[in-house]
Protein backbone atom coordinates (compact mmCIF):
# COMPACT_ATOMS: atom_id res chain seq x y z
CA MET A 1 0.04 -0.04 -0.01
CA ASP A 2 1.35 3.36 -1.01
CA SER A 3 2.40 5.32 2.62
CA SER A 4 0.17 8.43 1.05
CA LEU A 5 -2.83 6.45 1.52
CA MET A 6 -2.16 5.28 4.76
CA PRO A 7 -3.32 7.73 6.83
CA LEU A 8 -6.44 8.14 5.05
CA THR A 9 -6.83 4.60 5.36
CA LEU A 10 -6.34 4.62 9.13
CA MET A 11 -9.04 7.57 9.29
CA LEU A 12 -11.94 5.37 7.53
CA ILE A 13 -11.05 2.44 9.74
CA GLY A 14 -11.27 5.41 12.62
CA PHE A 15 -14.62 6.69 11.51
CA PHE A 16 -16.08 3.36 11.19
CA PHE A 17 -15.72 2.38 14.82
CA LEU A 18 -15.94 6.05 16.37
CA MET A 19 -19.10 6.93 14.36
CA ILE A 20 -20.91 3.54 12.34
CA TYR A 21 -20.29 0.78 14.59
CA PRO A 22 -21.66 1.70 17.63
CA GLN A 23 -25.00 3.21 15.34
CA MET A 24 -25.43 0.06 14.26
CA ARG A 25 -25.01 -1.74 17.56
CA ARG A 26 -27.74 0.53 19.27
CA GLN A 27 -30.36 0.00 16.61
CA LYS A 28 -29.64 -3.49 16.61
CA LYS A 29 -30.78 -3.77 20.61
CA GLU A 30 -33.82 -1.12 19.93
CA LYS A 31 -34.74 -3.80 17.10
CA LYS A 32 -34.51 -6.82 19.56
CA PHE A 33 -36.28 -4.62 22.34
CA LEU A 34 -39.25 -4.12 20.08
CA SER A 35 -39.61 -7.22 18.88
CA GLU A 36 -39.45 -8.67 22.50
CA LEU A 37 -42.55 -6.72 23.93
CA LYS A 38 -45.44 -8.00 25.26
CA VAL A 39 -48.29 -7.39 26.54
CA GLY A 40 -48.17 -5.62 30.30
CA THR A 41 -44.87 -3.98 29.96
CA ARG A 42 -44.30 -0.90 31.05
CA VAL A 43 -43.23 1.70 28.31
CA VAL A 44 -42.42 5.08 27.25
CA THR A 45 -42.87 6.77 24.15
CA LYS A 46 -40.57 9.24 22.25
CA SER A 47 -42.94 11.93 22.92
CA GLY A 48 -42.50 11.25 26.67
CA LEU A 49 -46.42 9.22 27.19
CA HIS A 50 -46.00 6.85 29.90
CA GLY A 51 -48.22 3.39 30.05
CA LYS A 52 -48.70 -0.13 29.75
CA ILE A 53 -49.03 -2.35 26.99
CA VAL A 54 -52.51 -3.73 26.52
CA GLU A 55 -52.64 -4.99 23.12
CA ILE A 56 -50.11 -5.59 19.99
CA LYS A 57 -51.81 -6.40 16.68
CA ASP A 58 -50.22 -9.08 15.18
CA GLY A 59 -49.32 -8.46 11.13
CA SER A 60 -49.11 -4.31 12.12
CA GLU A 61 -46.85 -2.44 13.27
CA THR A 62 -49.49 -0.83 16.68
CA CYS A 63 -49.87 -1.22 19.70
CA VAL A 64 -52.31 -0.32 22.46
CA ILE A 65 -51.30 1.52 25.42
CA GLN A 66 -53.64 1.99 28.65
CA THR A 67 -52.47 5.26 30.14
CA MET A 68 -54.42 7.09 32.99
CA ALA A 69 -56.43 8.89 29.94
CA GLY A 70 -57.56 5.64 28.44
CA LYS A 71 -56.36 3.42 25.64
CA ILE A 72 -54.04 4.92 23.11
CA ARG A 73 -53.12 3.12 19.99
CA TYR A 74 -49.36 4.08 19.06
CA GLU A 75 -46.29 2.40 16.66
CA ILE A 76 -44.33 0.10 17.91
CA SER A 77 -41.21 2.12 16.65
CA ALA A 78 -42.51 5.23 18.55
CA ILE A 79 -41.62 3.31 21.87
CA SER A 80 -38.11 4.47 23.62
CA LEU A 81 -35.98 2.03 24.61
CA GLU A 82 -33.73 4.00 26.92
CA MET A 83 -36.97 5.49 28.57
CA SER A 84 -38.60 2.38 28.90
CA LYS A 85 -35.76 0.70 30.78
CA LYS A 86 -35.12 3.40 33.35
CA LEU A 87 -39.12 3.29 33.69
CA ASN A 88 -38.84 -0.73 34.59
CA LYS A 89 -35.57 -0.40 36.27
CA LYS A 90 -36.89 1.22 39.04
């Protein structure tokens, strides 16, 4: 390899491990979390809504969340991994 390309190659490898790889790991964890959701799980949505899952529709990407104000249908992708884990940790 040409010595002038070595710094560029190292920068690209560093960029991958500092920027892209952690994002890929985070997306994988979030996808796993969302696929393991079940009825009765307490969750927090990305908009800050707290509630408990009472129904998950098979075939669609929605769930029904019971809150103190009633039941609301939400997209499963709108559930926050970090905030839901904090809620369930207590």
